[in-house]
Protein backbone atom coordinates (compact mmCIF):
# COMPACT_ATOMS: atom_id res chain seq x y z
CA MET A 1 108.48 91.26 100.56
CA PRO A 2 105.98 94.09 101.18
CA PHE A 3 104.40 92.10 103.99
CA SER A 4 107.60 92.27 106.05
CA ALA A 5 107.61 96.02 105.62
CA PHE A 6 104.14 96.17 107.11
CA MET A 7 105.24 93.95 109.98
CA ALA A 8 108.26 96.15 110.67
CA CYS A 9 106.03 99.21 110.81
CA ALA A 10 103.28 97.47 112.79
CA TYR A 11 104.55 98.97 116.03
CA PHE A 12 104.02 102.52 114.80
CA SER A 13 100.61 101.59 113.42
CA ALA A 14 99.47 99.95 116.64
CA VAL A 15 101.08 102.27 119.18
CA GLY A 16 101.58 105.43 117.19
CA VAL A 17 104.19 108.09 117.66
CA THR A 18 104.03 109.70 121.08
CA ASP A 19 107.02 112.02 120.62
CA LEU A 20 105.64 114.75 118.37
CA VAL A 21 108.56 117.05 119.19
CA HIS A 22 111.10 115.02 117.18
CA PRO A 23 109.24 113.43 114.24
CA SER A 24 112.16 113.94 111.85
CA GLU A 25 114.32 111.65 114.00
CA LYS A 26 111.69 108.89 113.81
CA ILE A 27 111.39 109.33 110.05
CA MET A 28 115.17 109.27 109.60
CA LYS A 29 115.44 106.13 111.71
CA HIS A 30 112.77 104.46 109.58
CA GLU A 31 114.31 105.57 106.27
CA ASN A 32 117.71 104.22 107.33
CA SER A 33 116.31 100.88 108.49
CA LYS A 34 117.41 97.76 106.65
CA THR A 35 113.82 96.87 105.79
CA HIS A 36 113.05 100.28 104.29
CA LEU A 37 116.27 100.33 102.26
CA HIS A 38 115.61 96.82 100.95
CA ASN A 39 112.02 97.62 100.00
CA SER A 40 113.06 100.90 98.36
CA MET A 41 115.57 99.02 96.25
CA GLU A 42 112.97 96.39 95.31
CA LEU A 43 110.50 99.12 94.36
CA GLY A 44 113.14 100.83 92.23
CA LEU A 45 113.79 97.58 90.37
CA LEU A 46 110.09 96.84 89.90
CA GLY A 47 109.23 97.04 86.24
CA THR A 48 112.79 97.41 84.99
CA VAL A 49 113.73 95.50 81.88
CA ASN A 50 115.87 92.39 82.18
CA ILE A 51 118.45 92.93 79.42
CA ARG A 52 119.67 89.31 79.56
CA ALA A 53 116.15 88.00 78.92
CA GLN A 54 115.71 90.38 75.99
CA LEU A 55 119.03 89.34 74.44
CA ASP A 56 118.21 85.64 74.85
CA SER A 57 114.87 86.04 73.10
CA ALA A 58 116.32 88.04 70.16
């Protein structure tokens, strides 16, 4: 689902951030977004071992 992450951030890529006084608020809003949290979880699970598959093949 990385493509959806790019689409969600497309606004900032196309328009940019005009409020340079409060960048931490923009970053916090992004980091708390549903898309970012979902993609962070998916990235964390990427490459983890599926124990059930290992037990079935043993």
